Amino acid sequence: MSIINFIKEAGEKVIDLLTPGNAHAGEELKKHVEQVGLGNPNITATVQGDKVTVSGEVATQEEKEKIILAAGNIQGVSSVEDKITVTGPVVVASRFVVVKAGDTLSAISKTVYGDANLYNKIFEANKPLLKDPNKIYPGQTLRIPE
């Protein structure tokens, strides 16, 4: 279990998700995870204020990380508590990087890997959350695989 922090002001707008008293927030969050292209994972989600808690089981570390990013890269979410269990083989967790103003995937790749041409590795690691390598925004959190 861990808590991952996000920039509250950045991210996708999900209507009414963080409205106080929204009894359907967990269902809306799970629907959002499906809509970004991560299928229908065996998770449950709860929303309390600006904090999201996700729990359940997934097959891979990659799937777990993408679900956390889908939940955290929502405008108004400041943290995601990870209570997801990975049932498949244990692998090294990815690092997370927050996009700064002026960043590109190439610039991030140059910083983390020493080679700007490895930007596609970051793009592929964040699919289907990213649809275009040129469409990242300040405050967005990305997976950086080893």
C-alpha atoms as a PDB file:
ATOM      1  CA  MET A   1       0.000   0.000   0.000  1.00  0.00           C
ATOM      2  CA  SER A   2       1.194   3.450  -0.830  1.00  0.00           C
ATOM      3  CA  ILE A   3      -0.064   6.941  -1.456  1.00  0.00           C
ATOM      4  CA  ILE A   4       0.867   8.673  -4.702  1.00  0.00           C
ATOM      5  CA  ASN A   5       0.503  12.448  -4.860  1.00  0.00           C
ATOM      6  CA  PHE A   6      -0.776  14.322  -7.899  1.00  0.00           C
ATOM      7  CA  ILE A   7      -1.144  17.979  -8.842  1.00  0.00           C
ATOM      8  CA  LYS A   8      -4.726  18.773  -7.904  1.00  0.00           C
ATOM      9  CA  GLU A   9      -5.186  21.550 -10.464  1.00  0.00           C
ATOM     10  CA  ALA A  10      -4.010  19.436 -13.422  1.00  0.00           C
ATOM     11  CA  GLY A  11      -5.769  16.651 -15.215  1.00  0.00           C
ATOM     12  CA  GLU A  12      -8.834  15.610 -17.059  1.00  0.00           C
ATOM     13  CA  LYS A  13     -12.182  17.011 -15.963  1.00  0.00           C
ATOM     14  CA  VAL A  14     -14.537  14.267 -14.844  1.00  0.00           C
ATOM     15  CA  ILE A  15     -17.900  15.882 -14.206  1.00  0.00           C
ATOM     16  CA  ASP A  16     -19.244  15.529 -10.654  1.00  0.00           C
ATOM     17  CA  LEU A  17     -16.674  12.918  -9.584  1.00  0.00           C
ATOM     18  CA  LEU A  18     -15.443  14.982  -6.651  1.00  0.00           C
ATOM     19  CA  THR A  19     -18.782  16.578  -5.761  1.00  0.00           C
ATOM     20  CA  PRO A  20     -19.270  16.174  -1.998  1.00  0.00           C
ATOM     21  CA  GLY A  21     -21.853  13.518  -1.218  1.00  0.00           C
ATOM     22  CA  ASN A  22     -21.633  11.866  -4.653  1.00  0.00           C
ATOM     23  CA  ALA A  23     -22.737   8.336  -3.776  1.00  0.00           C
ATOM     24  CA  HIS A  24     -21.740   7.098  -7.246  1.00  0.00           C
ATOM     25  CA  ALA A  25     -18.172   8.477  -7.295  1.00  0.00           C
ATOM     26  CA  GLY A  26     -16.566   5.030  -7.134  1.00  0.00           C
ATOM     27  CA  GLU A  27     -18.656   3.780 -10.038  1.00  0.00           C
ATOM     28  CA  GLU A  28     -17.880   6.930 -12.054  1.00  0.00           C
ATOM     29  CA  LEU A  29     -14.168   6.472 -11.428  1.00  0.00           C
ATOM     30  CA  LYS A  30     -14.297   2.846 -12.549  1.00  0.00           C
ATOM     31  CA  LYS A  31     -16.197   3.940 -15.673  1.00  0.00           C
ATOM     32  CA  HIS A  32     -13.471   6.554 -16.311  1.00  0.00           C
ATOM     33  CA  VAL A  33     -10.805   3.806 -16.092  1.00  0.00           C
ATOM     34  CA  GLU A  34     -12.749   1.826 -18.704  1.00  0.00           C
ATOM     35  CA  GLN A  35     -13.184   4.884 -20.960  1.00  0.00           C
ATOM     36  CA  VAL A  36      -9.469   5.678 -21.070  1.00  0.00           C
ATOM     37  CA  GLY A  37      -8.973   2.195 -22.483  1.00  0.00           C
ATOM     38  CA  LEU A  38      -7.956   0.071 -19.517  1.00  0.00           C
ATOM     39  CA  GLY A  39     -10.842  -2.363 -19.792  1.00  0.00           C
ATOM     40  CA  ASN A  40     -12.970  -3.412 -16.839  1.00  0.00           C
ATOM     41  CA  PRO A  41     -10.466  -4.263 -14.101  1.00  0.00           C
ATOM     42  CA  ASN A  42     -11.415  -6.067 -10.898  1.00  0.00           C
ATOM     43  CA  ILE A  43     -11.131  -2.945  -8.740  1.00  0.00           C
ATOM     44  CA  THR A  44     -13.224  -0.809  -6.482  1.00  0.00           C
ATOM     45  CA  ALA A  45     -12.701   2.874  -5.940  1.00  0.00           C
ATOM     46  CA  THR A  46     -13.747   5.284  -3.242  1.00  0.00           C
ATOM     47  CA  VAL A  47     -13.519   9.051  -3.299  1.00  0.00           C
ATOM     48  CA  GLN A  48     -13.187  11.059  -0.114  1.00  0.00           C
ATOM     49  CA  GLY A  49     -12.658  14.766  -0.698  1.00  0.00           C
ATOM     50  CA  ASP A  50      -9.711  15.050  -3.089  1.00  0.00           C
ATOM     51  CA  LYS A  51      -8.315  11.596  -2.251  1.00  0.00           C
ATOM     52  CA  VAL A  52      -9.076   8.457  -4.247  1.00  0.00           C
ATOM     53  CA  THR A  53      -8.531   4.940  -2.906  1.00  0.00           C
ATOM     54  CA  VAL A  54      -8.331   2.061  -5.364  1.00  0.00           C
ATOM     55  CA  SER A  55      -8.349  -1.564  -4.271  1.00  0.00           C
ATOM     56  CA  GLY A  56      -8.748  -4.964  -5.854  1.00  0.00           C
ATOM     57  CA  GLU A  57      -6.675  -7.336  -7.952  1.00  0.00           C
ATOM     58  CA  VAL A  58      -4.985  -6.951 -11.317  1.00  0.00           C
ATOM     59  CA  ALA A  59      -2.753  -9.263 -13.329  1.00  0.00           C
ATOM     60  CA  THR A  60       0.295  -7.018 -13.848  1.00  0.00           C
ATOM     61  CA  GLN A  61       2.270  -4.191 -12.265  1.00  0.00           C
ATOM     62  CA  GLU A  62       1.787  -2.208 -15.484  1.00  0.00           C
ATOM     63  CA  GLU A  63      -2.007  -2.474 -15.238  1.00  0.00           C
ATOM     64  CA  LYS A  64      -1.869  -1.369 -11.601  1.00  0.00           C
ATOM     65  CA  GLU A  65       0.259   1.681 -12.419  1.00  0.00           C
ATOM     66  CA  LYS A  66      -1.983   2.725 -15.301  1.00  0.00           C
ATOM     67  CA  ILE A  67      -5.094   2.496 -13.116  1.00  0.00           C
ATOM     68  CA  ILE A  68      -3.401   4.689 -10.504  1.00  0.00           C
ATOM     69  CA  LEU A  69      -2.478   7.226 -13.191  1.00  0.00           C
ATOM     70  CA  ALA A  70      -6.008   7.192 -14.633  1.00  0.00           C
ATOM     71  CA  ALA A  71      -7.390   7.942 -11.161  1.00  0.00           C
ATOM     72  CA  GLY A  72      -4.775  10.545 -10.262  1.00  0.00           C
ATOM     73  CA  ASN A  73      -4.663  12.480 -13.520  1.00  0.00           C
ATOM     74  CA  ILE A  74      -8.146  13.845 -12.862  1.00  0.00           C
ATOM     75  CA  GLN A  75      -8.596  17.522 -12.069  1.00  0.00           C
ATOM     76  CA  GLY A  76      -9.243  17.904  -8.342  1.00  0.00           C
ATOM     77  CA  VAL A  77      -7.513  14.685  -7.237  1.00  0.00           C
ATOM     78  CA  SER A  78      -4.514  15.315  -4.990  1.00  0.00           C
ATOM     79  CA  SER A  79      -3.630  11.729  -4.051  1.00  0.00           C
ATOM     80  CA  VAL A  80      -4.376   8.105  -4.811  1.00  0.00           C
ATOM     81  CA  GLU A  81      -4.081   5.465  -2.136  1.00  0.00           C
ATOM     82  CA  ASP A  82      -2.986   2.231  -3.780  1.00  0.00           C
ATOM     83  CA  LYS A  83      -4.489  -0.920  -2.273  1.00  0.00           C
ATOM     84  CA  ILE A  84      -4.276  -2.942  -5.483  1.00  0.00           C
ATOM     85  CA  THR A  85      -2.752  -6.420  -5.392  1.00  0.00           C
ATOM     86  CA  VAL A  86      -0.852  -7.755  -8.394  1.00  0.00           C
ATOM     87  CA  THR A  87      -1.583 -11.451  -8.955  1.00  0.00           C
ATOM     88  CA  GLY A  88       1.004 -12.006 -11.695  1.00  0.00           C
ATOM     89  CA  PRO A  89       4.792 -12.044 -11.545  1.00  0.00           C
ATOM     90  CA  VAL A  90       6.436  -9.367  -9.422  1.00  0.00           C
ATOM     91  CA  VAL A  91       8.419  -6.872 -11.484  1.00  0.00           C
ATOM     92  CA  VAL A  92      10.197  -3.619 -10.721  1.00  0.00           C
ATOM     93  CA  ALA A  93       7.764  -0.739 -10.375  1.00  0.00           C
ATOM     94  CA  SER A  94       8.064   2.153 -12.795  1.00  0.00           C
ATOM     95  CA  ARG A  95       9.045   5.623 -11.723  1.00  0.00           C
ATOM     96  CA  PHE A  96       6.551   8.445 -12.042  1.00  0.00           C
ATOM     97  CA  VAL A  97       7.438  11.857 -13.493  1.00  0.00           C
ATOM     98  CA  VAL A  98       5.349  15.022 -13.390  1.00  0.00           C
ATOM     99  CA  VAL A  99       5.321  16.962 -16.674  1.00  0.00           C
ATOM    100  CA  LYS A 100       6.559  20.546 -16.340  1.00  0.00           C
ATOM    101  CA  ALA A 101       5.701  23.496 -18.600  1.00  0.00           C
ATOM    102  CA  GLY A 102       7.636  23.186 -21.854  1.00  0.00           C
ATOM    103  CA  ASP A 103       8.345  19.462 -21.441  1.00  0.00           C
ATOM    104  CA  THR A 104       8.088  17.062 -24.343  1.00  0.00           C
ATOM    105  CA  LEU A 105       8.405  13.287 -24.246  1.00  0.00           C
ATOM    106  CA  SER A 106      11.789  13.688 -25.950  1.00  0.00           C
ATOM    107  CA  ALA A 107      12.986  16.085 -23.254  1.00  0.00           C
ATOM    108  CA  ILE A 108      11.779  13.774 -20.495  1.00  0.00           C
ATOM    109  CA  SER A 109      13.443  10.829 -22.248  1.00  0.00           C
ATOM    110  CA  LYS A 110      16.725  12.764 -22.483  1.00  0.00           C
ATOM    111  CA  THR A 111      16.552  13.512 -18.743  1.00  0.00           C
ATOM    112  CA  VAL A 112      15.668  10.009 -17.537  1.00  0.00           C
ATOM    113  CA  TYR A 113      17.410   7.802 -20.111  1.00  0.00           C
ATOM    114  CA  GLY A 114      20.079  10.131 -21.502  1.00  0.00           C
ATOM    115  CA  ASP A 115      18.642   9.670 -25.006  1.00  0.00           C
ATOM    116  CA  ALA A 116      15.856  11.829 -26.452  1.00  0.00           C
ATOM    117  CA  ASN A 117      15.119   9.188 -29.087  1.00  0.00           C
ATOM    118  CA  LEU A 118      13.711   6.822 -26.441  1.00  0.00           C
ATOM    119  CA  TYR A 119      10.605   9.023 -26.066  1.00  0.00           C
ATOM    120  CA  ASN A 120       8.507   6.278 -27.677  1.00  0.00           C
ATOM    121  CA  LYS A 121       9.314   3.972 -24.735  1.00  0.00           C
ATOM    122  CA  ILE A 122       7.580   6.492 -22.440  1.00  0.00           C
ATOM    123  CA  PHE A 123       4.697   6.944 -24.896  1.00  0.00           C
ATOM    124  CA  GLU A 124       4.120   3.178 -25.159  1.00  0.00           C
ATOM    125  CA  ALA A 125       4.335   2.785 -21.366  1.00  0.00           C
ATOM    126  CA  ASN A 126       1.504   5.300 -20.965  1.00  0.00           C
ATOM    127  CA  LYS A 127      -0.875   3.952 -23.622  1.00  0.00           C
ATOM    128  CA  PRO A 128      -3.878   4.048 -23.713  1.00  0.00           C
ATOM    129  CA  LEU A 129      -3.772   7.009 -21.305  1.00  0.00           C
ATOM    130  CA  LEU A 130      -1.781   8.927 -23.937  1.00  0.00           C
ATOM    131  CA  LYS A 131      -3.225   8.943 -27.431  1.00  0.00           C
ATOM    132  CA  ASP A 132      -0.585  11.183 -29.043  1.00  0.00           C
ATOM    133  CA  PRO A 133       3.078  11.684 -28.011  1.00  0.00           C
ATOM    134  CA  ASN A 134       2.662  15.431 -28.589  1.00  0.00           C
ATOM    135  CA  LYS A 135      -0.339  15.768 -26.254  1.00  0.00           C
ATOM    136  CA  ILE A 136       1.057  15.981 -22.734  1.00  0.00           C
ATOM    137  CA  TYR A 137       0.311  18.795 -20.309  1.00  0.00           C
ATOM    138  CA  PRO A 138       1.957  20.404 -17.274  1.00  0.00           C
ATOM    139  CA  GLY A 139       1.024  18.639 -14.059  1.00  0.00           C
ATOM    140  CA  GLN A 140       0.298  15.313 -15.759  1.00  0.00           C
ATOM    141  CA  THR A 141       1.987  12.320 -14.146  1.00  0.00           C
ATOM    142  CA  LEU A 142       3.565   9.733 -16.460  1.00  0.00           C
ATOM    143  CA  ARG A 143       4.972   6.217 -15.997  1.00  0.00           C
ATOM    144  CA  ILE A 144       8.678   5.876 -16.722  1.00  0.00           C
ATOM    145  CA  PRO A 145       9.655   2.216 -17.177  1.00  0.00           C
ATOM    146  CA  GLU A 146      13.168   1.061 -16.340  1.00  0.00           C
END
